[in-house]
Every structure is written in C-alpha cells, then in structure tokens.
C-alpha atoms as a PDB file:
ATOM      1  CA  MET A   1      -2.573 -36.117  -1.393  1.00  0.00           C
ATOM      2  CA  THR A   2      -0.566 -32.847  -1.722  1.00  0.00           C
ATOM      3  CA  SER A   3      -0.988 -30.090   0.604  1.00  0.00           C
ATOM      4  CA  PRO A   4      -1.682 -26.543  -1.513  1.00  0.00           C
ATOM      5  CA  PRO A   5       1.236 -24.096  -1.291  1.00  0.00           C
ATOM      6  CA  PRO A   6       0.358 -21.895   2.001  1.00  0.00           C
ATOM      7  CA  CYS A   7      -1.521 -18.483   1.330  1.00  0.00           C
ATOM      8  CA  ARG A   8       1.312 -16.115   1.298  1.00  0.00           C
ATOM      9  CA  THR A   9      -1.209 -13.109   0.808  1.00  0.00           C
ATOM     10  CA  CYS A  10      -2.990 -14.208   3.926  1.00  0.00           C
ATOM     11  CA  ALA A  11      -0.107 -13.979   5.837  1.00  0.00           C
ATOM     12  CA  TYR A  12      -0.255 -10.241   6.004  1.00  0.00           C
ATOM     13  CA  PRO A  13      -3.076  -8.243   7.794  1.00  0.00           C
ATOM     14  CA  SER A  14      -5.655  -5.860   4.733  1.00  0.00           C
ATOM     15  CA  HIS A  15      -5.495  -2.699   5.857  1.00  0.00           C
ATOM     16  CA  THR A  16      -6.806   0.609   4.896  1.00  0.00           C
ATOM     17  CA  GLN A  17      -5.558   4.351   4.680  1.00  0.00           C
ATOM     18  CA  PHE A  18      -9.118   5.210   5.717  1.00  0.00           C
ATOM     19  CA  ALA A  19     -10.132   3.833   9.347  1.00  0.00           C
ATOM     20  CA  SER A  20     -12.953   2.778   9.101  1.00  0.00           C
ATOM     21  CA  PRO A  21     -12.802   0.183   5.985  1.00  0.00           C
ATOM     22  CA  ASP A  22     -16.903   0.337   5.776  1.00  0.00           C
ATOM     23  CA  LEU A  23     -16.452   4.522   4.430  1.00  0.00           C
ATOM     24  CA  VAL A  24     -13.826   4.361   2.086  1.00  0.00           C
ATOM     25  CA  GLY A  25     -16.034   4.214  -0.385  1.00  0.00           C
ATOM     26  CA  ALA A  26     -17.947   7.424   0.257  1.00  0.00           C
ATOM     27  CA  ILE A  27     -15.060   9.293   1.242  1.00  0.00           C
ATOM     28  CA  VAL A  28     -13.388   8.690  -2.138  1.00  0.00           C
ATOM     29  CA  ALA A  29     -16.378   9.664  -3.732  1.00  0.00           C
ATOM     30  CA  GLY A  30     -16.313  12.535  -1.807  1.00  0.00           C
ATOM     31  CA  GLU A  31     -19.403  12.003  -0.160  1.00  0.00           C
ATOM     32  CA  PHE A  32     -18.042  11.610   3.111  1.00  0.00           C
ATOM     33  CA  ASP A  33     -16.110  14.108   5.332  1.00  0.00           C
ATOM     34  CA  ARG A  34     -13.577  12.122   6.376  1.00  0.00           C
ATOM     35  CA  ALA A  35     -13.003  14.517   9.862  1.00  0.00           C
ATOM     36  CA  GLN A  36     -16.326  12.887  10.561  1.00  0.00           C
ATOM     37  CA  ASP A  37     -14.904   9.099  10.441  1.00  0.00           C
ATOM     38  CA  PRO A  38     -15.918   7.564  13.933  1.00  0.00           C
ATOM     39  CA  ALA A  39     -13.104   5.894  13.834  1.00  0.00           C
ATOM     40  CA  TRP A  40      -9.848   8.149  13.350  1.00  0.00           C
ATOM     41  CA  ARG A  41      -8.635   7.480  16.892  1.00  0.00           C
ATOM     42  CA  GLU A  42      -7.652   3.876  15.698  1.00  0.00           C
ATOM     43  CA  SER A  43      -5.377   5.536  13.202  1.00  0.00           C
ATOM     44  CA  GLY A  44      -3.258   6.803  15.882  1.00  0.00           C
ATOM     45  CA  ALA A  45      -4.042  10.479  14.707  1.00  0.00           C
ATOM     46  CA  ALA A  46      -3.682  13.141  17.504  1.00  0.00           C
ATOM     47  CA  THR A  47      -6.807  14.825  16.499  1.00  0.00           C
ATOM     48  CA  ALA A  48      -9.734  14.454  13.672  1.00  0.00           C
ATOM     49  CA  GLU A  49      -8.320  17.292  11.745  1.00  0.00           C
ATOM     50  CA  GLU A  50      -4.831  15.650  11.380  1.00  0.00           C
ATOM     51  CA  TYR A  51      -6.460  12.658  10.248  1.00  0.00           C
ATOM     52  CA  ALA A  52      -8.392  14.483   7.289  1.00  0.00           C
ATOM     53  CA  ARG A  53      -5.340  16.404   6.248  1.00  0.00           C
ATOM     54  CA  TRP A  54      -2.994  13.168   6.151  1.00  0.00           C
ATOM     55  CA  SER A  55      -5.392   9.892   5.511  1.00  0.00           C
ATOM     56  CA  GLY A  56      -5.645  10.435   2.070  1.00  0.00           C
ATOM     57  CA  HIS A  57      -1.757  10.626   1.307  1.00  0.00           C
ATOM     58  CA  LEU A  58      -1.123   7.433   3.364  1.00  0.00           C
ATOM     59  CA  CYS A  59      -1.135   4.758   0.697  1.00  0.00           C
ATOM     60  CA  GLY A  60       2.224   4.077   1.168  1.00  0.00           C
ATOM     61  CA  ALA A  61       2.579   4.026   4.462  1.00  0.00           C
ATOM     62  CA  THR A  62      -0.520   1.936   5.008  1.00  0.00           C
ATOM     63  CA  CYS A  63       1.363  -0.352   2.388  1.00  0.00           C
ATOM     64  CA  LEU A  64       4.279  -0.482   5.036  1.00  0.00           C
ATOM     65  CA  ARG A  65       2.356  -1.159   7.692  1.00  0.00           C
ATOM     66  CA  MET A  66       0.558  -4.265   6.071  1.00  0.00           C
ATOM     67  CA  ALA A  67       3.979  -5.447   4.960  1.00  0.00           C
ATOM     68  CA  LEU A  68       5.398  -5.353   8.589  1.00  0.00           C
ATOM     69  CA  GLY A  69       2.615  -7.601   9.921  1.00  0.00           C
ATOM     70  CA  ALA A  70       0.367  -7.867  12.702  1.00  0.00           C
ATOM     71  CA  GLU A  71       2.869  -6.186  15.390  1.00  0.00           C
ATOM     72  CA  ALA A  72       3.638  -3.288  12.815  1.00  0.00           C
ATOM     73  CA  PRO A  73       2.935   0.207  15.011  1.00  0.00           C
ATOM     74  CA  SER A  74      -0.425   2.468  13.729  1.00  0.00           C
ATOM     75  CA  LEU A  75      -0.661   4.084  10.680  1.00  0.00           C
ATOM     76  CA  PHE A  76       0.158   7.462  12.335  1.00  0.00           C
ATOM     77  CA  GLU A  77       3.046   6.138  14.324  1.00  0.00           C
ATOM     78  CA  LEU A  78       4.509   4.780  10.486  1.00  0.00           C
ATOM     79  CA  ARG A  79       3.784   8.336   9.327  1.00  0.00           C
ATOM     80  CA  ASP A  80       5.696  10.100  11.716  1.00  0.00           C
ATOM     81  CA  GLY A  81       8.586   7.716  11.234  1.00  0.00           C
ATOM     82  CA  THR A  82       8.751   7.864   7.874  1.00  0.00           C
ATOM     83  CA  LEU A  83       8.988  11.900   8.108  1.00  0.00           C
ATOM     84  CA  LYS A  84      11.557  11.815  10.271  1.00  0.00           C
ATOM     85  CA  PHE A  85      13.499  10.152   7.540  1.00  0.00           C
ATOM     86  CA  GLY A  86      11.897  12.642   4.561  1.00  0.00           C
ATOM     87  CA  ALA A  87       9.559   9.500   3.102  1.00  0.00           C
ATOM     88  CA  TYR A  88       7.112  12.565   3.593  1.00  0.00           C
ATOM     89  CA  THR A  89       7.231  16.097   3.124  1.00  0.00           C
ATOM     90  CA  VAL A  90       5.281  19.054   3.412  1.00  0.00           C
ATOM     91  CA  ASP A  91       5.540  22.453   1.147  1.00  0.00           C
ATOM     92  CA  ALA A  92       5.504  25.856   2.826  1.00  0.00           C
ATOM     93  CA  ASP A  93       2.101  26.166   1.671  1.00  0.00           C
ATOM     94  CA  GLY A  94       1.530  22.896   3.076  1.00  0.00           C
ATOM     95  CA  GLU A  95       1.011  20.617   0.133  1.00  0.00           C
ATOM     96  CA  ILE A  96       2.130  17.192   1.297  1.00  0.00           C
ATOM     97  CA  ARG A  97       4.111  15.145  -0.652  1.00  0.00           C
ATOM     98  CA  GLY A  98       5.422  11.431  -0.706  1.00  0.00           C
ATOM     99  CA  MET A  99       5.777   8.566  -0.095  1.00  0.00           C
ATOM    100  CA  ILE A 100       9.537   9.326  -1.338  1.00  0.00           C
ATOM    101  CA  TYR A 101      10.506   5.732  -1.997  1.00  0.00           C
ATOM    102  CA  ALA A 102      14.456   6.113  -1.141  1.00  0.00           C
ATOM    103  CA  PRO A 103      13.952   7.864   2.547  1.00  0.00           C
ATOM    104  CA  ALA A 104      11.036   4.866   3.167  1.00  0.00           C
ATOM    105  CA  VAL A 105      13.613   2.377   2.232  1.00  0.00           C
ATOM    106  CA  ALA A 106      15.976   3.836   5.019  1.00  0.00           C
ATOM    107  CA  TYR A 107      13.414   3.742   7.237  1.00  0.00           C
ATOM    108  CA  VAL A 108      12.290   0.239   7.085  1.00  0.00           C
ATOM    109  CA  ARG A 109      16.404  -0.594   7.120  1.00  0.00           C
ATOM    110  CA  GLU A 110      17.002   1.353   9.873  1.00  0.00           C
ATOM    111  CA  VAL A 111      13.752   0.909  12.305  1.00  0.00           C
ATOM    112  CA  HIS A 112      12.892  -2.108  11.544  1.00  0.00           C
ATOM    113  CA  GLY A 113      16.190  -3.892  10.064  1.00  0.00           C
ATOM    114  CA  ILE A 114      14.080  -5.766   6.763  1.00  0.00           C
ATOM    115  CA  GLU A 115      15.851  -4.956   3.871  1.00  0.00           C
ATOM    116  CA  ALA A 116      14.364  -3.163   0.866  1.00  0.00           C
ATOM    117  CA  GLU A 117      15.066  -1.286  -2.095  1.00  0.00           C
ATOM    118  CA  VAL A 118      14.217   1.274  -4.658  1.00  0.00           C
ATOM    119  CA  HIS A 119      13.034   0.219  -7.797  1.00  0.00           C
ATOM    120  CA  ARG A 120      12.778   3.394 -10.201  1.00  0.00           C
ATOM    121  CA  GLU A 121      12.267   1.532 -13.585  1.00  0.00           C
ATOM    122  CA  LEU A 122      10.088  -1.754 -12.507  1.00  0.00           C
ATOM    123  CA  THR A 123       8.342  -4.110 -15.341  1.00  0.00           C
ATOM    124  CA  THR A 124       5.930  -6.742 -14.423  1.00  0.00           C
ATOM    125  CA  ALA A 125       8.283  -9.254 -15.029  1.00  0.00           C
ATOM    126  CA  GLY A 126      10.264  -7.793 -12.593  1.00  0.00           C
ATOM    127  CA  ILE A 127       7.311  -7.631 -10.136  1.00  0.00           C
ATOM    128  CA  GLY A 128       7.714 -11.557 -10.243  1.00  0.00           C
ATOM    129  CA  GLU A 129      11.033 -11.967  -9.631  1.00  0.00           C
ATOM    130  CA  LEU A 130      10.687 -10.233  -6.729  1.00  0.00           C
ATOM    131  CA  LEU A 131       7.972 -12.144  -5.322  1.00  0.00           C
ATOM    132  CA  ASP A 132       9.750 -15.463  -6.386  1.00  0.00           C
ATOM    133  CA  ALA A 133      12.546 -14.262  -4.542  1.00  0.00           C
ATOM    134  CA  GLY A 134      10.942 -13.713  -1.412  1.00  0.00           C
ATOM    135  CA  ARG A 135       9.795 -10.466  -1.482  1.00  0.00           C
ATOM    136  CA  LEU A 136       6.697  -8.090  -1.444  1.00  0.00           C
ATOM    137  CA  VAL A 137       6.490  -5.046  -3.289  1.00  0.00           C
ATOM    138  CA  ILE A 138       5.492  -2.046  -3.171  1.00  0.00           C
ATOM    139  CA  ALA A 139       4.015  -0.812  -6.761  1.00  0.00           C
ATOM    140  CA  SER A 140       2.555   2.647  -7.971  1.00  0.00           C
ATOM    141  CA  VAL A 141      -0.540   2.554  -9.390  1.00  0.00           C
ATOM    142  CA  HIS A 142      -3.649   4.598 -10.438  1.00  0.00           C
ATOM    143  CA  TYR A 143      -5.438   4.651  -7.921  1.00  0.00           C
ATOM    144  CA  ALA A 144      -8.688   3.381 -10.241  1.00  0.00           C
ATOM    145  CA  ILE A 145      -7.618  -0.035 -10.237  1.00  0.00           C
ATOM    146  CA  ARG A 146      -9.822  -0.500  -7.223  1.00  0.00           C
ATOM    147  CA  ARG A 147     -12.311  -0.165 -10.615  1.00  0.00           C
ATOM    148  CA  PRO A 148     -10.525  -2.735 -12.647  1.00  0.00           C
ATOM    149  CA  HIS A 149     -13.182  -3.405 -15.143  1.00  0.00           C
ATOM    150  CA  GLU A 150     -13.363  -0.085 -16.166  1.00  0.00           C
ATOM    151  CA  PRO A 151     -10.531   1.339 -18.930  1.00  0.00           C
ATOM    152  CA  ALA A 152      -7.454   2.740 -16.381  1.00  0.00           C
ATOM    153  CA  PRO A 153      -7.447   6.070 -16.917  1.00  0.00           C
ATOM    154  CA  GLY A 154      -3.722   6.110 -16.099  1.00  0.00           C
ATOM    155  CA  ARG A 155      -0.894   4.932 -14.291  1.00  0.00           C
ATOM    156  CA  GLY A 156       1.058   5.511 -10.852  1.00  0.00           C
ATOM    157  CA  GLY A 157      -0.282   8.194  -8.167  1.00  0.00           C
ATOM    158  CA  HIS A 158      -1.139   5.531  -5.778  1.00  0.00           C
ATOM    159  CA  LEU A 159       0.627   2.732  -3.873  1.00  0.00           C
ATOM    160  CA  VAL A 160      -0.548  -1.058  -3.526  1.00  0.00           C
ATOM    161  CA  LEU A 161       1.286  -3.937  -1.497  1.00  0.00           C
ATOM    162  CA  VAL A 162       1.975  -6.792  -3.671  1.00  0.00           C
ATOM    163  CA  THR A 163       2.126  -9.944  -2.305  1.00  0.00           C
ATOM    164  CA  ASP A 164       2.269 -13.131  -4.286  1.00  0.00           C
ATOM    165  CA  ARG A 165       1.460 -14.553  -7.893  1.00  0.00           C
ATOM    166  CA  THR A 166      -1.504 -16.095  -7.996  1.00  0.00           C
ATOM    167  CA  ALA A 167      -2.250 -20.280  -8.333  1.00  0.00           C
ATOM    168  CA  ASP A 168      -1.655 -20.321 -12.025  1.00  0.00           C
ATOM    169  CA  GLY A 169       1.251 -17.668 -12.359  1.00  0.00           C
ATOM    170  CA  SER A 170      -1.163 -15.607 -14.486  1.00  0.00           C
ATOM    171  CA  GLY A 171      -1.848 -12.787 -12.163  1.00  0.00           C
ATOM    172  CA  PHE A 172      -1.091 -10.923  -8.986  1.00  0.00           C
ATOM    173  CA  HIS A 173      -2.366 -10.694  -5.289  1.00  0.00           C
ATOM    174  CA  PHE A 174      -2.215  -7.270  -3.738  1.00  0.00           C
ATOM    175  CA  HIS A 175      -3.656  -5.540  -1.086  1.00  0.00           C
ATOM    176  CA  ASN A 176      -4.811  -1.932  -1.589  1.00  0.00           C
ATOM    177  CA  PRO A 177      -4.901   0.549   1.113  1.00  0.00           C
ATOM    178  CA  SER A 178      -8.206   2.508  -1.016  1.00  0.00           C
ATOM    179  CA  GLY A 179     -10.108  -0.855  -2.033  1.00  0.00           C
ATOM    180  CA  THR A 180     -13.698  -0.050  -1.131  1.00  0.00           C
ATOM    181  CA  ASP A 181     -14.569  -3.746  -0.596  1.00  0.00           C
ATOM    182  CA  ALA A 182     -13.022  -6.723   0.903  1.00  0.00           C
ATOM    183  CA  ALA A 183     -12.689  -7.746  -3.330  1.00  0.00           C
ATOM    184  CA  THR A 184     -10.436  -4.487  -3.730  1.00  0.00           C
ATOM    185  CA  ARG A 185      -9.000  -4.621  -0.608  1.00  0.00           C
ATOM    186  CA  THR A 186      -7.560  -7.887  -0.976  1.00  0.00           C
ATOM    187  CA  ALA A 187      -7.500  -8.487  -4.965  1.00  0.00           C
ATOM    188  CA  GLU A 188      -6.192 -10.152  -7.580  1.00  0.00           C
ATOM    189  CA  LEU A 189      -5.590  -8.848 -11.462  1.00  0.00           C
ATOM    190  CA  PRO A 190      -4.127 -10.520 -14.354  1.00  0.00           C
ATOM    191  CA  VAL A 191      -0.592  -9.441 -14.948  1.00  0.00           C
ATOM    192  CA  GLU A 192      -1.700  -7.877 -18.187  1.00  0.00           C
ATOM    193  CA  ARG A 193      -4.549  -5.652 -16.691  1.00  0.00           C
ATOM    194  CA  PHE A 194      -2.467  -4.989 -13.865  1.00  0.00           C
ATOM    195  CA  ALA A 195       0.189  -3.342 -16.055  1.00  0.00           C
ATOM    196  CA  ASP A 196      -2.741  -1.131 -17.149  1.00  0.00           C
ATOM    197  CA  PHE A 197      -2.542   1.029 -14.263  1.00  0.00           C
ATOM    198  CA  PHE A 198       1.192  -0.206 -13.106  1.00  0.00           C
ATOM    199  CA  ALA A 199       3.732   3.321 -13.297  1.00  0.00           C
ATOM    200  CA  GLY A 200       6.740   0.814 -13.508  1.00  0.00           C
ATOM    201  CA  ARG A 201       8.205   1.786 -10.297  1.00  0.00           C
ATOM    202  CA  GLY A 202       8.109   0.890  -6.664  1.00  0.00           C
ATOM    203  CA  MET A 203      10.191  -0.831  -4.121  1.00  0.00           C
ATOM    204  CA  SER A 204      10.693  -3.771  -2.675  1.00  0.00           C
ATOM    205  CA  VAL A 205      10.808  -5.153   1.076  1.00  0.00           C
ATOM    206  CA  GLY A 206      11.607  -8.610   2.390  1.00  0.00           C
ATOM    207  CA  ARG A 207       9.342 -10.657   4.022  1.00  0.00           C
ATOM    208  CA  ARG A 208       9.139 -10.839   7.810  1.00  0.00           C
ATOM    209  CA  GLU A 209      10.682 -13.762   9.933  1.00  0.00           C
ATOM    210  CA  GLY A 210       7.994 -16.043  11.670  1.00  0.00           C
END
C-alpha cells in the first residue's frame, strides 16, 4: 500500500494577525475594537494601544511567523526585527506602510539564515514552480480572498502564505492571517480562483530544515 504524501501545509502553524482568532471576523467587520482584544499581550505588543495600531498592518509579519515555524519569534518581535530593516515604515503623519519585500527578504536572510527572494512579477504558474522547488510563497492578494464565493473586488493589498499545491495539482493550499474561521485560515482554492485575487507579486522563502 502506498503511503500518502506528507502534508507540507500541516508542517506550518496557522496564525492570525489578531491575537484572538475567534474575534477576527468581528474585528475585520469593524464590530469589535481591537484594543479590547483580551489576548493582545500574546502578540508581544508593549501595550493594547500599540497592538491596536499595528495589528491590522501585520499580515506580512504573520506570514513570516508561520513560515519560520514553531520556533518563530512573537508577532511584535518580528515587527521590531523587520522594522529595523525597513520592511515597515511610519510616515510623518503616522501612517504605517509595509510589508516592503526587499527589506523583509534581507531580514529573513540575515537574521534567520533562510534564503528568500523578491518576485516583483509573478504568475500563478510561477507560484507553482516555486512550491515545486521546495519554497513557500508570500503572495499579494485582496483581503476578500476569505470570501471566495463572492466576486473578487480587486487584487493585492493583503498577504497570504502559500504552502503547497493541492493533491490533484489544480489548486493552492495557503494560510490567511485574516481568515475568519478554520476553513479560511487554512484554506485552499483552485489556481484560477486564486488568480482572481492575486496581484502578481510577492516573495518566496526557503523551507526551514527539520
């Protein structure tokens, strides 16, 4: 009897960019004040106010946290590390921008010793090739990818971690930092449907050893 292939998606933890997974739906719908998240301390933020200000911008840091595996730093430790490299910037008016791919890649390489690469032009076929080469892909998609049964309103503005092809090769498995339930946090979509949300850019990260 042939053993099934190992579940590469299962090898990577699923995290949300908000500390309480069961509150993500209410937070992203604007129905719950993220500063009142009872688990905010688990993010590593210094204060509830810092958590509330930054957590909505940390989909990229959450993707890195998942890619780095069980030994990854806390979300705000990753924020601090990538911030030092310039992967996030704060404008004079206080607006937060990021994640910026090139500094994030430099952070992954220099701090964690894992190969990473920016892909400013990337197709879904290219994502598949990177997965086949043993890499993880942090892909720019529209946040509405958590509602795949509705028309895609656009492409880009949010990041997800693509971990593997589906068993039949026709789709992608991915972890979504703003997924509102188990099915949208550890999700899968046909390649053609994924493409409706995909902005054609991202970064790839080598898989950790062990």
